Amino acid sequence: MTTFTDQPRFTGCPCGTTKAYIETGAPSLGVEDWLTPEDVVALLRGALSLGTLRNYRSARVGPAYIRIGRAVFYPRAEVSAWLAEQVRESEARWNDR
């Protein structure tokens, strides 16, 4: 008998993030591993607005996300990875080269 916990979650992810986790045998994501757009804005302390995050989704830039119905969720690991990509060297270091 298959229980709810045995079934993969969010298998219809358009970004393929969850599918990749399931196929690679990576640990399954729990509820605390998903962020709402409001959570992402709070995490960034308002550096991005909800509108900017919406525009990023429309333009297919920004962190990977999943849409379930009208709800949007961001995997916490994807937000962290996207933020790491945004780190830039300061101009002072760049000019010293």
PDB file of N, CA and C in Angstrom:
ATOM      1  N   MET A   1       0.839  -1.182   0.000  1.00  0.00           N
ATOM      2  CA  MET A   1       0.000   0.000   0.000  1.00  0.00           C
ATOM      3  C   MET A   1       0.882   1.243   0.000  1.00  0.00           C
ATOM      4  N   THR A   2       0.567   2.189  -0.860  1.00  0.00           N
ATOM      5  CA  THR A   2       1.326   3.420  -0.957  1.00  0.00           C
ATOM      6  C   THR A   2       0.723   4.463  -0.033  1.00  0.00           C
ATOM      7  N   THR A   3       1.568   5.069   0.782  1.00  0.00           N
ATOM      8  CA  THR A   3       1.087   6.133   1.659  1.00  0.00           C
ATOM      9  C   THR A   3       1.412   7.471   1.033  1.00  0.00           C
ATOM     10  N   PHE A   4       0.842   8.508   1.596  1.00  0.00           N
ATOM     11  CA  PHE A   4       1.065   9.856   1.071  1.00  0.00           C
ATOM     12  C   PHE A   4       2.543  10.214   1.086  1.00  0.00           C
ATOM     13  N   THR A   5       3.270   9.793   2.113  1.00  0.00           N
ATOM     14  CA  THR A   5       4.684  10.167   2.225  1.00  0.00           C
ATOM     15  C   THR A   5       5.550   9.429   1.211  1.00  0.00           C
ATOM     16  N   ASP A   6       5.048   8.308   0.651  1.00  0.00           N
ATOM     17  CA  ASP A   6       5.813   7.565  -0.342  1.00  0.00           C
ATOM     18  C   ASP A   6       5.726   8.194  -1.727  1.00  0.00           C
ATOM     19  N   GLN A   7       4.751   9.042  -1.936  1.00  0.00           N
ATOM     20  CA  GLN A   7       4.537   9.623  -3.251  1.00  0.00           C
ATOM     21  C   GLN A   7       5.387  10.880  -3.411  1.00  0.00           C
ATOM     22  N   PRO A   8       5.966  11.086  -4.608  1.00  0.00           N
ATOM     23  CA  PRO A   8       6.746  12.311  -4.823  1.00  0.00           C
ATOM     24  C   PRO A   8       5.840  13.529  -4.788  1.00  0.00           C
ATOM     25  N   ARG A   9       6.380  14.627  -4.287  1.00  0.00           N
ATOM     26  CA  ARG A   9       5.610  15.863  -4.208  1.00  0.00           C
ATOM     27  C   ARG A   9       5.884  16.745  -5.412  1.00  0.00           C
ATOM     28  N   PHE A  10       4.906  17.534  -5.793  1.00  0.00           N
ATOM     29  CA  PHE A  10       5.045  18.562  -6.818  1.00  0.00           C
ATOM     30  C   PHE A  10       5.711  18.032  -8.084  1.00  0.00           C
ATOM     31  N   THR A  11       5.260  16.904  -8.594  1.00  0.00           N
ATOM     32  CA  THR A  11       5.911  16.296  -9.747  1.00  0.00           C
ATOM     33  C   THR A  11       5.712  17.093 -11.027  1.00  0.00           C
ATOM     34  N   GLY A  12       4.796  18.025 -11.057  1.00  0.00           N
ATOM     35  CA  GLY A  12       4.546  18.796 -12.267  1.00  0.00           C
ATOM     36  C   GLY A  12       5.296  20.108 -12.311  1.00  0.00           C
ATOM     37  N   CYS A  13       6.414  20.200 -11.657  1.00  0.00           N
ATOM     38  CA  CYS A  13       7.177  21.444 -11.585  1.00  0.00           C
ATOM     39  C   CYS A  13       7.637  21.881 -12.974  1.00  0.00           C
ATOM     40  N   PRO A  14       7.242  23.082 -13.432  1.00  0.00           N
ATOM     41  CA  PRO A  14       7.668  23.546 -14.747  1.00  0.00           C
ATOM     42  C   PRO A  14       9.162  23.822 -14.819  1.00  0.00           C
ATOM     43  N   CYS A  15       9.799  24.107 -13.686  1.00  0.00           N
ATOM     44  CA  CYS A  15      11.225  24.418 -13.697  1.00  0.00           C
ATOM     45  C   CYS A  15      12.077  23.154 -13.607  1.00  0.00           C
ATOM     46  N   GLY A  16      11.460  22.009 -13.310  1.00  0.00           N
ATOM     47  CA  GLY A  16      12.190  20.754 -13.242  1.00  0.00           C
ATOM     48  C   GLY A  16      12.974  20.559 -11.965  1.00  0.00           C
ATOM     49  N   THR A  17      12.918  21.514 -11.037  1.00  0.00           N
ATOM     50  CA  THR A  17      13.709  21.430  -9.820  1.00  0.00           C
ATOM     51  C   THR A  17      13.335  20.214  -8.992  1.00  0.00           C
ATOM     52  N   THR A  18      12.040  20.055  -8.705  1.00  0.00           N
ATOM     53  CA  THR A  18      11.618  18.943  -7.867  1.00  0.00           C
ATOM     54  C   THR A  18      11.873  17.632  -8.571  1.00  0.00           C
ATOM     55  N   LYS A  19      11.636  17.591  -9.867  1.00  0.00           N
ATOM     56  CA  LYS A  19      11.871  16.366 -10.623  1.00  0.00           C
ATOM     57  C   LYS A  19      13.341  15.957 -10.505  1.00  0.00           C
ATOM     58  N   ALA A  20      14.236  16.932 -10.560  1.00  0.00           N
ATOM     59  CA  ALA A  20      15.664  16.639 -10.439  1.00  0.00           C
ATOM     60  C   ALA A  20      15.973  16.072  -9.059  1.00  0.00           C
ATOM     61  N   TYR A  21      15.359  16.612  -8.019  1.00  0.00           N
ATOM     62  CA  TYR A  21      15.569  16.085  -6.677  1.00  0.00           C
ATOM     63  C   TYR A  21      15.097  14.643  -6.588  1.00  0.00           C
ATOM     64  N   ILE A  22      13.952  14.353  -7.183  1.00  0.00           N
ATOM     65  CA  ILE A  22      13.391  13.006  -7.113  1.00  0.00           C
ATOM     66  C   ILE A  22      14.238  12.038  -7.918  1.00  0.00           C
ATOM     67  N   GLU A  23      14.639  12.416  -9.135  1.00  0.00           N
ATOM     68  CA  GLU A  23      15.378  11.518 -10.006  1.00  0.00           C
ATOM     69  C   GLU A  23      16.787  11.242  -9.505  1.00  0.00           C
ATOM     70  N   THR A  24      17.419  12.212  -8.851  1.00  0.00           N
ATOM     71  CA  THR A  24      18.790  12.022  -8.379  1.00  0.00           C
ATOM     72  C   THR A  24      18.846  11.363  -7.018  1.00  0.00           C
ATOM     73  N   GLY A  25      17.714  11.160  -6.415  1.00  0.00           N
ATOM     74  CA  GLY A  25      17.698  10.532  -5.104  1.00  0.00           C
ATOM     75  C   GLY A  25      18.089  11.488  -3.994  1.00  0.00           C
ATOM     76  N   ALA A  26      18.075  12.771  -4.277  1.00  0.00           N
ATOM     77  CA  ALA A  26      18.377  13.756  -3.248  1.00  0.00           C
ATOM     78  C   ALA A  26      17.257  13.722  -2.210  1.00  0.00           C
ATOM     79  N   PRO A  27      17.519  14.208  -1.017  1.00  0.00           N
ATOM     80  CA  PRO A  27      16.489  14.175   0.010  1.00  0.00           C
ATOM     81  C   PRO A  27      15.237  14.910  -0.439  1.00  0.00           C
ATOM     82  N   SER A  28      14.084  14.369  -0.073  1.00  0.00           N
ATOM     83  CA  SER A  28      12.837  15.018  -0.460  1.00  0.00           C
ATOM     84  C   SER A  28      12.699  16.322   0.301  1.00  0.00           C
ATOM     85  N   LEU A  29      12.008  17.251  -0.305  1.00  0.00           N
ATOM     86  CA  LEU A  29      11.845  18.564   0.286  1.00  0.00           C
ATOM     87  C   LEU A  29      10.632  18.579   1.198  1.00  0.00           C
ATOM     88  N   GLY A  30      10.799  19.109   2.391  1.00  0.00           N
ATOM     89  CA  GLY A  30       9.698  19.248   3.325  1.00  0.00           C
ATOM     90  C   GLY A  30       9.035  20.602   3.154  1.00  0.00           C
ATOM     91  N   VAL A  31       7.979  20.808   3.862  1.00  0.00           N
ATOM     92  CA  VAL A  31       7.235  22.064   3.761  1.00  0.00           C
ATOM     93  C   VAL A  31       8.114  23.261   4.101  1.00  0.00           C
ATOM     94  N   GLU A  32       9.014  23.108   5.061  1.00  0.00           N
ATOM     95  CA  GLU A  32       9.866  24.228   5.469  1.00  0.00           C
ATOM     96  C   GLU A  32      10.915  24.579   4.419  1.00  0.00           C
ATOM     97  N   ASP A  33      11.094  23.729   3.405  1.00  0.00           N
ATOM     98  CA  ASP A  33      12.074  23.981   2.349  1.00  0.00           C
ATOM     99  C   ASP A  33      11.510  24.798   1.192  1.00  0.00           C
ATOM    100  N   TRP A  34      10.249  25.195   1.275  1.00  0.00           N
ATOM    101  CA  TRP A  34       9.600  25.975   0.221  1.00  0.00           C
ATOM    102  C   TRP A  34       9.270  27.356   0.750  1.00  0.00           C
ATOM    103  N   LEU A  35       9.567  28.382  -0.030  1.00  0.00           N
ATOM    104  CA  LEU A  35       9.311  29.763   0.355  1.00  0.00           C
ATOM    105  C   LEU A  35       8.235  30.357  -0.536  1.00  0.00           C
ATOM    106  N   THR A  36       7.349  31.134   0.048  1.00  0.00           N
ATOM    107  CA  THR A  36       6.379  31.885  -0.736  1.00  0.00           C
ATOM    108  C   THR A  36       7.083  33.149  -1.247  1.00  0.00           C
ATOM    109  N   PRO A  37       6.506  33.836  -2.227  1.00  0.00           N
ATOM    110  CA  PRO A  37       7.118  35.099  -2.663  1.00  0.00           C
ATOM    111  C   PRO A  37       7.287  36.087  -1.503  1.00  0.00           C
ATOM    112  N   GLU A  38       6.328  36.115  -0.587  1.00  0.00           N
ATOM    113  CA  GLU A  38       6.433  36.995   0.574  1.00  0.00           C
ATOM    114  C   GLU A  38       7.621  36.609   1.447  1.00  0.00           C
ATOM    115  N   ASP A  39       7.871  35.295   1.578  1.00  0.00           N
ATOM    116  CA  ASP A  39       9.030  34.821   2.347  1.00  0.00           C
ATOM    117  C   ASP A  39      10.336  35.270   1.695  1.00  0.00           C
ATOM    118  N   VAL A  40      10.395  35.220   0.363  1.00  0.00           N
ATOM    119  CA  VAL A  40      11.613  35.623  -0.352  1.00  0.00           C
ATOM    120  C   VAL A  40      11.860  37.111  -0.150  1.00  0.00           C
ATOM    121  N   VAL A  41      10.807  37.920  -0.240  1.00  0.00           N
ATOM    122  CA  VAL A  41      10.945  39.365  -0.023  1.00  0.00           C
ATOM    123  C   VAL A  41      11.418  39.630   1.407  1.00  0.00           C
ATOM    124  N   ALA A  42      10.854  38.911   2.384  1.00  0.00           N
ATOM    125  CA  ALA A  42      11.268  39.082   3.776  1.00  0.00           C
ATOM    126  C   ALA A  42      12.716  38.638   3.977  1.00  0.00           C
ATOM    127  N   LEU A  43      13.100  37.545   3.327  1.00  0.00           N
ATOM    128  CA  LEU A  43      14.474  37.047   3.423  1.00  0.00           C
ATOM    129  C   LEU A  43      15.463  38.086   2.904  1.00  0.00           C
ATOM    130  N   LEU A  44      15.073  38.788   1.845  1.00  0.00           N
ATOM    131  CA  LEU A  44      15.939  39.806   1.252  1.00  0.00           C
ATOM    132  C   LEU A  44      15.739  41.180   1.885  1.00  0.00           C
ATOM    133  N   ARG A  45      14.956  41.213   2.968  1.00  0.00           N
ATOM    134  CA  ARG A  45      14.700  42.445   3.723  1.00  0.00           C
ATOM    135  C   ARG A  45      14.174  43.565   2.848  1.00  0.00           C
ATOM    136  N   GLY A  46      13.314  43.204   1.907  1.00  0.00           N
ATOM    137  CA  GLY A  46      12.677  44.215   1.079  1.00  0.00           C
ATOM    138  C   GLY A  46      13.527  44.725  -0.065  1.00  0.00           C
ATOM    139  N   ALA A  47      14.675  44.121  -0.326  1.00  0.00           N
ATOM    140  CA  ALA A  47      15.526  44.572  -1.428  1.00  0.00           C
ATOM    141  C   ALA A  47      14.828  44.364  -2.762  1.00  0.00           C
ATOM    142  N   LEU A  48      13.968  43.365  -2.840  1.00  0.00           N
ATOM    143  CA  LEU A  48      13.111  43.143  -4.000  1.00  0.00           C
ATOM    144  C   LEU A  48      11.675  43.273  -3.548  1.00  0.00           C
ATOM    145  N   SER A  49      10.824  43.778  -4.421  1.00  0.00           N
ATOM    146  CA  SER A  49       9.403  43.835  -4.098  1.00  0.00           C
ATOM    147  C   SER A  49       8.700  42.614  -4.685  1.00  0.00           C
ATOM    148  N   LEU A  50       7.471  42.398  -4.280  1.00  0.00           N
ATOM    149  CA  LEU A  50       6.689  41.307  -4.845  1.00  0.00           C
ATOM    150  C   LEU A  50       6.510  41.503  -6.349  1.00  0.00           C
ATOM    151  N   GLY A  51       6.346  42.745  -6.770  1.00  0.00           N
ATOM    152  CA  GLY A  51       6.198  43.044  -8.189  1.00  0.00           C
ATOM    153  C   GLY A  51       7.451  42.706  -8.988  1.00  0.00           C
ATOM    154  N   THR A  52       8.606  43.013  -8.431  1.00  0.00           N
ATOM    155  CA  THR A  52       9.867  42.686  -9.098  1.00  0.00           C
ATOM    156  C   THR A  52      10.030  41.178  -9.208  1.00  0.00           C
ATOM    157  N   LEU A  53       9.694  40.473  -8.151  1.00  0.00           N
ATOM    158  CA  LEU A  53       9.771  39.019  -8.172  1.00  0.00           C
ATOM    159  C   LEU A  53       8.817  38.449  -9.227  1.00  0.00           C
ATOM    160  N   ARG A  54       7.640  39.026  -9.339  1.00  0.00           N
ATOM    161  CA  ARG A  54       6.672  38.620 -10.364  1.00  0.00           C
ATOM    162  C   ARG A  54       7.234  38.888 -11.758  1.00  0.00           C
ATOM    163  N   ASN A  55       7.865  40.040 -11.941  1.00  0.00           N
ATOM    164  CA  ASN A  55       8.471  40.364 -13.239  1.00  0.00           C
ATOM    165  C   ASN A  55       9.612  39.402 -13.562  1.00  0.00           C
ATOM    166  N   TYR A  56      10.393  39.027 -12.567  1.00  0.00           N
ATOM    167  CA  TYR A  56      11.461  38.056 -12.776  1.00  0.00           C
ATOM    168  C   TYR A  56      10.904  36.725 -13.259  1.00  0.00           C
ATOM    169  N   ARG A  57       9.795  36.284 -12.647  1.00  0.00           N
ATOM    170  CA  ARG A  57       9.180  35.026 -13.095  1.00  0.00           C
ATOM    171  C   ARG A  57       8.716  35.144 -14.536  1.00  0.00           C
ATOM    172  N   SER A  58       8.122  36.258 -14.881  1.00  0.00           N
ATOM    173  CA  SER A  58       7.628  36.484 -16.239  1.00  0.00           C
ATOM    174  C   SER A  58       8.767  36.497 -17.252  1.00  0.00           C
ATOM    175  N   ALA A  59       9.889  37.099 -16.872  1.00  0.00           N
ATOM    176  CA  ALA A  59      11.052  37.205 -17.760  1.00  0.00           C
ATOM    177  C   ALA A  59      11.945  35.967 -17.685  1.00  0.00           C
ATOM    178  N   ARG A  60      11.605  35.028 -16.824  1.00  0.00           N
ATOM    179  CA  ARG A  60      12.382  33.795 -16.626  1.00  0.00           C
ATOM    180  C   ARG A  60      13.805  34.085 -16.148  1.00  0.00           C
ATOM    181  N   VAL A  61      13.911  35.050 -15.262  1.00  0.00           N
ATOM    182  CA  VAL A  61      15.165  35.311 -14.555  1.00  0.00           C
ATOM    183  C   VAL A  61      14.869  35.184 -13.066  1.00  0.00           C
ATOM    184  N   GLY A  62      15.880  35.163 -12.267  1.00  0.00           N
ATOM    185  CA  GLY A  62      15.643  35.021 -10.838  1.00  0.00           C
ATOM    186  C   GLY A  62      15.650  33.561 -10.432  1.00  0.00           C
ATOM    187  N   PRO A  63      15.296  33.309  -9.181  1.00  0.00           N
ATOM    188  CA  PRO A  63      15.356  31.933  -8.675  1.00  0.00           C
ATOM    189  C   PRO A  63      14.295  31.041  -9.309  1.00  0.00           C
ATOM    190  N   ALA A  64      14.596  29.749  -9.394  1.00  0.00           N
ATOM    191  CA  ALA A  64      13.635  28.775  -9.913  1.00  0.00           C
ATOM    192  C   ALA A  64      12.433  28.717  -8.977  1.00  0.00           C
ATOM    193  N   TYR A  65      11.276  28.414  -9.532  1.00  0.00           N
ATOM    194  CA  TYR A  65      10.055  28.371  -8.734  1.00  0.00           C
ATOM    195  C   TYR A  65       9.149  27.261  -9.239  1.00  0.00           C
ATOM    196  N   ILE A  66       8.108  27.025  -8.487  1.00  0.00           N
ATOM    197  CA  ILE A  66       7.089  26.055  -8.867  1.00  0.00           C
ATOM    198  C   ILE A  66       5.738  26.728  -8.690  1.00  0.00           C
ATOM    199  N   ARG A  67       4.842  26.444  -9.598  1.00  0.00           N
ATOM    200  CA  ARG A  67       3.499  27.008  -9.511  1.00  0.00           C
ATOM    201  C   ARG A  67       2.525  25.853  -9.309  1.00  0.00           C
ATOM    202  N   ILE A  68       1.709  25.958  -8.280  1.00  0.00           N
ATOM    203  CA  ILE A  68       0.655  24.988  -8.022  1.00  0.00           C
ATOM    204  C   ILE A  68      -0.642  25.768  -8.023  1.00  0.00           C
ATOM    205  N   GLY A  69      -1.402  25.603  -9.093  1.00  0.00           N
ATOM    206  CA  GLY A  69      -2.583  26.441  -9.248  1.00  0.00           C
ATOM    207  C   GLY A  69      -2.131  27.882  -9.407  1.00  0.00           C
ATOM    208  N   ARG A  70      -2.603  28.740  -8.537  1.00  0.00           N
ATOM    209  CA  ARG A  70      -2.186  30.144  -8.569  1.00  0.00           C
ATOM    210  C   ARG A  70      -1.074  30.438  -7.562  1.00  0.00           C
ATOM    211  N   ALA A  71      -0.762  29.464  -6.726  1.00  0.00           N
ATOM    212  CA  ALA A  71       0.269  29.662  -5.702  1.00  0.00           C
ATOM    213  C   ALA A  71       1.656  29.440  -6.295  1.00  0.00           C
ATOM    214  N   VAL A  72       2.601  30.251  -5.854  1.00  0.00           N
ATOM    215  CA  VAL A  72       3.991  30.163  -6.307  1.00  0.00           C
ATOM    216  C   VAL A  72       4.861  29.851  -5.099  1.00  0.00           C
ATOM    217  N   PHE A  73       5.788  28.908  -5.274  1.00  0.00           N
ATOM    218  CA  PHE A  73       6.720  28.535  -4.220  1.00  0.00           C
ATOM    219  C   PHE A  73       8.131  28.484  -4.791  1.00  0.00           C
ATOM    220  N   TYR A  74       9.094  28.865  -3.954  1.00  0.00           N
ATOM    221  CA  TYR A  74      10.507  28.832  -4.321  1.00  0.00           C
ATOM    222  C   TYR A  74      11.221  27.818  -3.436  1.00  0.00           C
ATOM    223  N   PRO A  75      11.955  26.876  -4.016  1.00  0.00           N
ATOM    224  CA  PRO A  75      12.770  25.991  -3.173  1.00  0.00           C
ATOM    225  C   PRO A  75      13.861  26.817  -2.480  1.00  0.00           C
ATOM    226  N   ARG A  76      13.992  26.658  -1.195  1.00  0.00           N
ATOM    227  CA  ARG A  76      14.971  27.440  -0.420  1.00  0.00           C
ATOM    228  C   ARG A  76      16.381  27.298  -0.999  1.00  0.00           C
ATOM    229  N   ALA A  77      16.753  26.091  -1.423  1.00  0.00           N
ATOM    230  CA  ALA A  77      18.089  25.857  -1.977  1.00  0.00           C
ATOM    231  C   ALA A  77      18.291  26.632  -3.275  1.00  0.00           C
ATOM    232  N   GLU A  78      17.239  26.738  -4.088  1.00  0.00           N
ATOM    233  CA  GLU A  78      17.346  27.480  -5.350  1.00  0.00           C
ATOM    234  C   GLU A  78      17.500  28.976  -5.100  1.00  0.00           C
ATOM    235  N   VAL A  79      16.809  29.499  -4.094  1.00  0.00           N
ATOM    236  CA  VAL A  79      16.942  30.923  -3.747  1.00  0.00           C
ATOM    237  C   VAL A  79      18.363  31.192  -3.276  1.00  0.00           C
ATOM    238  N   SER A  80      18.899  30.298  -2.440  1.00  0.00           N
ATOM    239  CA  SER A  80      20.277  30.460  -1.956  1.00  0.00           C
ATOM    240  C   SER A  80      21.280  30.412  -3.105  1.00  0.00           C
ATOM    241  N   ALA A  81      21.074  29.479  -4.029  1.00  0.00           N
ATOM    242  CA  ALA A  81      21.981  29.363  -5.179  1.00  0.00           C
ATOM    243  C   ALA A  81      21.898  30.602  -6.057  1.00  0.00           C
ATOM    244  N   TRP A  82      20.692  31.103  -6.287  1.00  0.00           N
ATOM    245  CA  TRP A  82      20.514  32.300  -7.107  1.00  0.00           C
ATOM    246  C   TRP A  82      21.193  33.506  -6.442  1.00  0.00           C
ATOM    247  N   LEU A  83      21.044  33.615  -5.132  1.00  0.00           N
ATOM    248  CA  LEU A  83      21.700  34.722  -4.426  1.00  0.00           C
ATOM    249  C   LEU A  83      23.216  34.620  -4.534  1.00  0.00           C
ATOM    250  N   ALA A  84      23.751  33.418  -4.455  1.00  0.00           N
ATOM    251  CA  ALA A  84      25.198  33.229  -4.579  1.00  0.00           C
ATOM    252  C   ALA A  84      25.693  33.663  -5.959  1.00  0.00           C
ATOM    253  N   GLU A  85      24.867  33.468  -6.988  1.00  0.00           N
ATOM    254  CA  GLU A  85      25.239  33.896  -8.344  1.00  0.00           C
ATOM    255  C   GLU A  85      25.275  35.415  -8.473  1.00  0.00           C
ATOM    256  N   GLN A  86      24.582  36.117  -7.580  1.00  0.00           N
ATOM    257  CA  GLN A  86      24.482  37.568  -7.667  1.00  0.00           C
ATOM    258  C   GLN A  86      25.676  38.282  -7.037  1.00  0.00           C
ATOM    259  N   VAL A  87      26.535  37.565  -6.358  1.00  0.00           N
ATOM    260  CA  VAL A  87      27.695  38.170  -5.684  1.00  0.00           C
ATOM    261  C   VAL A  87      28.671  38.662  -6.746  1.00  0.00           C
ATOM    262  N   ARG A  88      29.077  39.891  -6.581  1.00  0.00           N
ATOM    263  CA  ARG A  88      30.029  40.491  -7.525  1.00  0.00           C
ATOM    264  C   ARG A  88      31.207  41.052  -6.755  1.00  0.00           C
ATOM    265  N   GLU A  89      32.348  41.085  -7.418  1.00  0.00           N
ATOM    266  CA  GLU A  89      33.520  41.680  -6.794  1.00  0.00           C
ATOM    267  C   GLU A  89      33.351  43.189  -6.758  1.00  0.00           C
ATOM    268  N   SER A  90      33.931  43.801  -5.750  1.00  0.00           N
ATOM    269  CA  SER A  90      33.835  45.254  -5.673  1.00  0.00           C
ATOM    270  C   SER A  90      34.696  45.875  -6.765  1.00  0.00           C
ATOM    271  N   GLU A  91      34.365  47.092  -7.135  1.00  0.00           N
ATOM    272  CA  GLU A  91      35.116  47.783  -8.190  1.00  0.00           C
ATOM    273  C   GLU A  91      36.563  48.018  -7.771  1.00  0.00           C
ATOM    274  N   ALA A  92      36.786  48.220  -6.471  1.00  0.00           N
ATOM    275  CA  ALA A  92      38.153  48.471  -6.012  1.00  0.00           C
ATOM    276  C   ALA A  92      39.052  47.276  -6.321  1.00  0.00           C
ATOM    277  N   ARG A  93      38.556  46.078  -6.059  1.00  0.00           N
ATOM    278  CA  ARG A  93      39.353  44.891  -6.372  1.00  0.00           C
ATOM    279  C   ARG A  93      39.527  44.752  -7.878  1.00  0.00           C
ATOM    280  N   TRP A  94      38.487  45.033  -8.623  1.00  0.00           N
ATOM    281  CA  TRP A  94      38.546  44.880 -10.066  1.00  0.00           C
ATOM    282  C   TRP A  94      39.565  45.842 -10.679  1.00  0.00           C
ATOM    283  N   ASN A  95      39.602  47.067 -10.190  1.00  0.00           N
ATOM    284  CA  ASN A  95      40.517  48.070 -10.723  1.00  0.00           C
ATOM    285  C   ASN A  95      41.972  47.816 -10.350  1.00  0.00           C
ATOM    286  N   ASP A  96      42.213  47.030  -9.299  1.00  0.00           N
ATOM    287  CA  ASP A  96      43.566  46.731  -8.871  1.00  0.00           C
ATOM    288  C   ASP A  96      44.245  45.708  -9.772  1.00  0.00           C
ATOM    289  N   ARG A  97      43.518  45.056 -10.613  1.00  0.00           N
ATOM    290  CA  ARG A  97      44.109  43.996 -11.450  1.00  0.00           C
ATOM    291  C   ARG A  97      44.860  44.545 -12.613  1.00  0.00           C
TER     292      ARG A  97
END
